[in-house]
Amino acid sequence: MLPALSQVCTLNASFSQDIEDFAAGQCQFVEVWLTKLEEYLTTGRTVSDVRELMERNQIAAPVASCQGGLFGTGEAGQEAWKHLEQRFVLCRELKIETLVVACDIVAPIRQADIDGAHELLQRAAIAAAKHDIRIALEFRAHAALGNNLQTAAALVGEVGHANLGLCLDLFHYYVGPSKPEDLAYINSVNLFHVQLCDIADTPREFARDSDRILPGEGDIAIEPVINRLREIEYRGCVSVELMNPQIWQVPPRQFGEIGMTSLRKVLGQASMT
């Protein structure tokens, strides 16, 4: 497993500061927050500058997050697809292999919407394959469809495209209707990315993204998930993903150090530097 940090954990910092400071904290893999990268490229920097920055700091970006809105209708949906195509190009240029896509399907839903979800995922996978990109579908706890690991795995399996797999976000796994036995639905073929966090002293019904804390510091039983990853011999990225405004105040260098320490501890890699 490749321990990584998501740039959303340090949302207030710049793209370049993340890369430099995460690297200083012994982080070798980063989950790119695409909005931050896109903003960085509007400041006169180029894709070549980004590549040079990452090479200089000896840090790789195997995965990027997060594309939403693909299941929307009308103009909003069309804009989301246009944005996705642009992000495919950007990811290909930076050799980012996996792009996380949110399963943000809203209520009410009909059978036609379920059929449409399959068609949209097929379309996305085909488009991704043209750029040598994989799509990791992230189930969302509050979605009308695809709010749990079992259903998300079924959607991926029914589409049956090699460039479509799963993103297991521990937050949505914990606060949504997923069950421990759902872990049986992930395997080394369909699991493309894993995101870890924790929740403390907050009922699952009221937990929000802003409640995310470092893995291993809260109430989520993380060990069974890690054990399952070992069972299937998962070799991809496992990142810390936090959207906590309090943690956003922590300088990225400091977060890089504590984030990697926390992550390696839960992965059983605490002795690694």
Protein backbone atom coordinates (compact mmCIF):
# COMPACT_ATOMS: atom_id res chain seq x y z
CA MET A 1 0.00 0.00 0.00
CA LEU A 2 1.19 3.48 -0.88
CA PRO A 3 0.63 6.01 1.95
CA ALA A 4 -0.49 9.39 0.59
CA LEU A 5 -1.84 12.74 1.72
CA SER A 6 -4.71 14.56 0.04
CA GLN A 7 -4.19 18.23 -0.71
CA VAL A 8 -7.69 18.97 0.57
CA CYS A 9 -6.30 18.42 4.09
CA THR A 10 -4.39 21.71 3.71
CA LEU A 11 -6.92 23.58 1.61
CA ASN A 12 -5.64 27.04 2.57
CA ALA A 13 -2.12 26.34 1.30
CA SER A 14 -0.99 26.67 -2.30
CA PHE A 15 -0.35 23.72 -4.58
CA SER A 16 3.41 24.28 -4.55
CA GLN A 17 3.58 24.71 -0.78
CA ASP A 18 1.80 21.38 -0.34
CA ILE A 19 4.25 19.57 -2.58
CA GLU A 20 7.34 21.08 -0.97
CA ASP A 21 6.16 20.70 2.62
CA PHE A 22 4.61 17.26 2.24
CA ALA A 23 7.89 16.06 0.75
CA ALA A 24 9.75 17.53 3.72
CA GLY A 25 7.46 15.45 5.94
CA GLN A 26 8.58 12.23 4.21
CA CYS A 27 5.48 11.98 2.01
CA GLN A 28 6.22 10.38 -1.36
CA PHE A 29 2.69 10.24 -2.77
CA VAL A 30 0.05 12.95 -2.94
CA GLU A 31 -3.63 12.89 -3.84
CA VAL A 32 -4.04 15.99 -5.97
CA TRP A 33 -7.00 18.23 -5.19
CA LEU A 34 -7.90 19.23 -8.73
CA THR A 35 -9.39 22.62 -7.91
CA LYS A 36 -6.14 23.61 -6.18
CA LEU A 37 -4.10 22.42 -9.15
CA GLU A 38 -6.32 24.29 -11.60
CA GLU A 39 -6.03 27.48 -9.56
CA TYR A 40 -2.24 27.10 -9.51
CA LEU A 41 -2.21 26.87 -13.30
CA THR A 42 -4.04 30.21 -13.54
CA THR A 43 -1.11 32.02 -11.88
CA GLY A 44 1.20 31.79 -14.87
CA ARG A 45 2.49 28.31 -14.12
CA THR A 46 2.40 25.56 -16.72
CA VAL A 47 1.99 21.81 -16.62
CA SER A 48 5.74 21.58 -17.21
CA ASP A 49 6.28 23.69 -14.10
CA VAL A 50 4.11 21.28 -12.11
CA ARG A 51 6.06 18.28 -13.39
CA GLU A 52 9.36 19.96 -12.51
CA LEU A 53 8.08 20.87 -9.03
CA MET A 54 7.09 17.29 -8.32
CA GLU A 55 10.26 15.79 -9.75
CA ARG A 56 12.42 18.20 -7.76
CA ASN A 57 10.66 17.17 -4.56
CA GLN A 58 10.62 13.46 -5.49
CA ILE A 59 6.88 13.19 -4.99
CA ALA A 60 4.38 11.38 -7.23
CA ALA A 61 0.67 11.97 -7.83
CA PRO A 62 -1.02 8.66 -8.69
CA VAL A 63 -4.55 9.92 -7.98
CA ALA A 64 -6.61 13.12 -8.13
CA SER A 65 -9.94 14.22 -6.66
CA CYS A 66 -12.72 14.99 -7.11
CA GLN A 67 -15.10 15.27 -10.05
CA GLY A 68 -18.75 15.79 -9.21
CA GLY A 69 -21.92 16.66 -11.06
CA LEU A 70 -21.76 14.01 -13.79
CA PHE A 71 -25.18 12.69 -12.84
CA GLY A 72 -26.73 16.15 -13.03
CA THR A 73 -29.20 17.24 -15.67
CA GLY A 74 -29.41 20.16 -18.05
CA GLU A 75 -26.69 22.75 -18.37
CA ALA A 76 -25.06 21.85 -15.05
CA GLY A 77 -24.57 18.27 -16.15
CA GLN A 78 -23.17 19.34 -19.51
CA GLU A 79 -20.67 21.66 -17.81
CA ALA A 80 -19.56 18.86 -15.49
CA TRP A 81 -18.83 16.59 -18.45
CA LYS A 82 -16.94 19.35 -20.22
CA HIS A 83 -14.87 19.89 -17.09
CA LEU A 84 -14.23 16.16 -16.82
CA GLU A 85 -12.80 16.04 -20.33
CA GLN A 86 -10.46 18.91 -19.47
CA ARG A 87 -9.36 17.10 -16.33
CA PHE A 88 -8.66 13.92 -18.28
CA VAL A 89 -6.22 15.87 -20.42
CA LEU A 90 -4.59 17.45 -17.37
CA CYS A 91 -4.27 14.12 -15.57
CA ARG A 92 -2.76 12.47 -18.63
CA GLU A 93 -0.17 15.23 -18.98
CA LEU A 94 0.83 14.81 -15.33
CA LYS A 95 0.72 11.01 -15.42
CA ILE A 96 -2.07 10.91 -12.84
CA GLU A 97 -3.48 7.43 -13.28
CA THR A 98 -6.72 7.58 -11.27
CA LEU A 99 -9.43 10.22 -10.99
CA VAL A 100 -12.05 10.02 -8.23
CA VAL A 101 -15.64 10.64 -9.37
CA ALA A 102 -18.45 11.26 -6.88
CA CYS A 103 -21.57 9.12 -7.08
CA ASP A 104 -23.65 12.20 -6.25
CA ILE A 105 -27.05 10.99 -7.47
CA VAL A 106 -29.85 12.98 -5.86
CA ALA A 107 -33.48 12.09 -5.10
CA PRO A 108 -36.03 11.41 -6.39
CA ILE A 109 -34.91 8.56 -8.60
CA ARG A 110 -36.80 6.31 -11.01
CA GLN A 111 -35.85 3.16 -12.87
CA ALA A 112 -34.86 5.36 -15.79
CA ASP A 113 -32.40 7.16 -13.52
CA ILE A 114 -30.84 3.85 -12.48
CA ASP A 115 -30.47 2.81 -16.10
CA GLY A 116 -29.08 6.25 -16.87
CA ALA A 117 -26.46 5.91 -14.14
CA HIS A 118 -25.12 2.78 -15.81
CA GLU A 119 -24.96 4.57 -19.16
CA LEU A 120 -23.18 7.59 -17.68
CA LEU A 121 -20.61 5.42 -15.92
CA GLN A 122 -20.00 3.49 -19.13
CA ARG A 123 -19.56 6.76 -21.00
CA ALA A 124 -17.15 8.06 -18.38
CA ALA A 125 -15.09 4.86 -18.38
CA ILE A 126 -14.80 4.85 -22.17
CA ALA A 127 -13.74 8.51 -22.17
CA ALA A 128 -11.21 7.86 -19.41
CA ALA A 129 -9.71 4.91 -21.26
CA LYS A 130 -8.91 7.13 -24.24
CA HIS A 131 -6.60 9.09 -21.94
CA ASP A 132 -5.23 6.05 -20.07
CA ILE A 133 -7.02 7.21 -16.93
CA ARG A 134 -8.98 5.09 -14.45
CA ILE A 135 -12.15 6.31 -12.74
CA ALA A 136 -12.61 5.48 -9.06
CA LEU A 137 -16.32 5.78 -8.20
CA GLU A 138 -16.79 7.15 -4.69
CA PHE A 139 -20.08 6.16 -3.07
CA ARG A 140 -21.61 8.97 -1.02
CA ALA A 141 -23.43 8.31 2.25
CA HIS A 142 -26.28 10.69 1.47
CA ALA A 143 -26.74 9.87 -2.22
CA ALA A 144 -30.10 8.59 -3.44
CA LEU A 145 -28.33 5.76 -5.27
CA GLY A 146 -24.85 4.43 -4.64
CA ASN A 147 -24.73 5.41 -0.97
CA ASN A 148 -23.03 2.22 0.18
CA LEU A 149 -20.16 -0.03 -0.79
CA GLN A 150 -22.32 -2.95 -1.92
CA THR A 151 -24.37 -0.90 -4.38
CA ALA A 152 -21.32 0.94 -5.68
CA ALA A 153 -19.56 -2.37 -6.28
CA ALA A 154 -22.65 -3.63 -8.09
CA LEU A 155 -22.75 -0.56 -10.33
CA VAL A 156 -19.09 -0.98 -11.20
CA GLY A 157 -19.53 -4.69 -11.83
CA GLU A 158 -22.59 -4.22 -14.02
CA VAL A 159 -20.82 -1.65 -16.18
CA GLY A 160 -17.91 -4.06 -16.47
CA HIS A 161 -15.26 -1.72 -17.83
CA ALA A 162 -11.60 -2.14 -16.87
CA ASN A 163 -11.20 1.62 -16.39
CA LEU A 164 -14.01 1.87 -13.83
CA GLY A 165 -13.44 0.85 -10.23
CA LEU A 166 -14.14 1.88 -6.65
CA CYS A 167 -12.95 4.52 -4.24
CA LEU A 168 -13.44 3.44 -0.64
CA ASP A 169 -13.83 6.58 1.47
CA LEU A 170 -13.91 5.53 5.12
CA PHE A 171 -16.08 8.52 6.07
CA HIS A 172 -18.91 7.52 3.72
CA TYR A 173 -18.43 3.86 4.64
CA TYR A 174 -18.86 4.71 8.33
CA VAL A 175 -21.66 7.29 8.31
CA GLY A 176 -23.73 5.69 5.52
CA PRO A 177 -25.64 2.39 5.28
CA SER A 178 -22.59 0.27 4.39
CA LYS A 179 -22.05 -2.81 6.54
CA PRO A 180 -18.84 -4.61 7.57
CA GLU A 181 -19.75 -7.55 5.35
CA ASP A 182 -19.71 -5.19 2.35
CA LEU A 183 -15.92 -5.31 2.49
CA ALA A 184 -16.23 -8.69 0.80
CA TYR A 185 -17.21 -6.84 -2.39
CA ILE A 186 -13.82 -5.18 -2.82
CA ASN A 187 -10.93 -6.98 -4.45
CA SER A 188 -7.58 -6.24 -6.04
CA VAL A 189 -9.26 -5.68 -9.42
CA ASN A 190 -12.13 -3.32 -8.58
CA LEU A 191 -10.55 -1.24 -5.79
CA PHE A 192 -8.73 1.74 -7.29
CA HIS A 193 -8.28 4.07 -4.29
CA VAL A 194 -8.77 4.30 -0.51
CA GLN A 195 -9.30 7.42 1.62
CA LEU A 196 -8.98 7.30 5.41
CA CYS A 197 -10.11 9.56 8.23
CA ASP A 198 -11.76 9.17 11.61
CA ILE A 199 -14.71 10.60 13.55
CA ALA A 200 -14.82 11.20 17.31
CA ASP A 201 -17.73 11.79 19.69
CA THR A 202 -20.19 12.48 16.87
CA PRO A 203 -23.28 10.36 16.11
CA ARG A 204 -23.05 9.04 12.57
CA GLU A 205 -26.37 10.67 11.68
CA PHE A 206 -24.90 14.10 12.40
CA ALA A 207 -21.35 13.59 11.15
CA ARG A 208 -20.22 15.95 8.42
CA ASP A 209 -17.07 16.22 6.34
CA SER A 210 -15.90 19.00 8.65
CA ASP A 211 -15.82 16.47 11.52
CA ARG A 212 -13.08 14.38 9.90
CA ILE A 213 -9.94 13.89 11.97
CA LEU A 214 -6.74 11.87 11.53
CA PRO A 215 -7.22 8.10 11.21
CA GLY A 216 -6.73 6.20 14.43
CA GLU A 217 -7.78 9.11 16.65
CA GLY A 218 -11.54 8.51 16.77
CA ASP A 219 -14.29 5.92 16.93
CA ILE A 220 -14.13 4.21 13.52
CA ALA A 221 -12.97 0.60 13.56
CA ILE A 222 -10.23 0.98 10.97
CA GLU A 223 -8.39 -2.28 11.60
CA PRO A 224 -10.95 -4.54 9.83
CA VAL A 225 -10.69 -2.34 6.74
CA ILE A 226 -6.89 -2.46 6.74
CA ASN A 227 -7.00 -6.21 7.28
CA ARG A 228 -9.25 -6.57 4.25
CA LEU A 229 -6.85 -4.50 2.16
CA ARG A 230 -4.08 -6.87 3.17
CA GLU A 231 -6.23 -9.91 2.36
CA ILE A 232 -6.83 -8.75 -1.19
CA GLU A 233 -3.19 -7.66 -1.53
CA TYR A 234 -4.18 -4.11 -2.37
CA ARG A 235 -1.19 -2.23 -3.81
CA GLY A 236 -2.71 1.17 -4.54
CA CYS A 237 -2.78 4.48 -2.69
CA VAL A 238 -4.26 4.90 0.76
CA SER A 239 -4.61 8.60 1.50
CA VAL A 240 -5.60 10.75 4.44
CA GLU A 241 -8.53 12.93 3.35
CA LEU A 242 -9.81 15.58 5.78
CA MET A 243 -12.12 18.52 5.11
CA ASN A 244 -11.81 19.96 8.60
CA PRO A 245 -11.58 23.79 8.78
CA GLN A 246 -9.61 23.56 12.02
CA ILE A 247 -7.02 21.31 10.41
CA TRP A 248 -6.85 23.68 7.44
CA GLN A 249 -5.18 26.14 9.83
CA VAL A 250 -2.25 23.77 10.37
CA PRO A 251 0.77 24.63 8.19
CA PRO A 252 1.28 21.99 5.49
CA ARG A 253 4.76 21.06 6.70
CA GLN A 254 3.46 20.31 10.16
CA PHE A 255 0.44 18.49 8.77
CA GLY A 256 2.66 16.48 6.44
CA GLU A 257 4.63 15.17 9.39
CA ILE A 258 1.70 14.33 11.66
CA GLY A 259 -0.43 13.07 8.78
CA MET A 260 2.19 10.62 7.57
CA THR A 261 2.92 9.46 11.11
CA SER A 262 -0.78 8.78 11.72
CA LEU A 263 -1.26 7.04 8.39
CA ARG A 264 1.78 4.81 8.67
CA LYS A 265 0.70 3.80 12.15
CA VAL A 266 -2.73 2.55 11.03
CA LEU A 267 -1.17 0.85 7.99
CA GLY A 268 1.39 -0.93 10.14
CA GLN A 269 4.24 1.01 8.54
CA ALA A 270 5.19 3.07 11.59
CA SER A 271 8.87 2.15 11.35
CA MET A 272 9.14 3.48 7.79
CA THR A 273 10.71 6.90 7.14
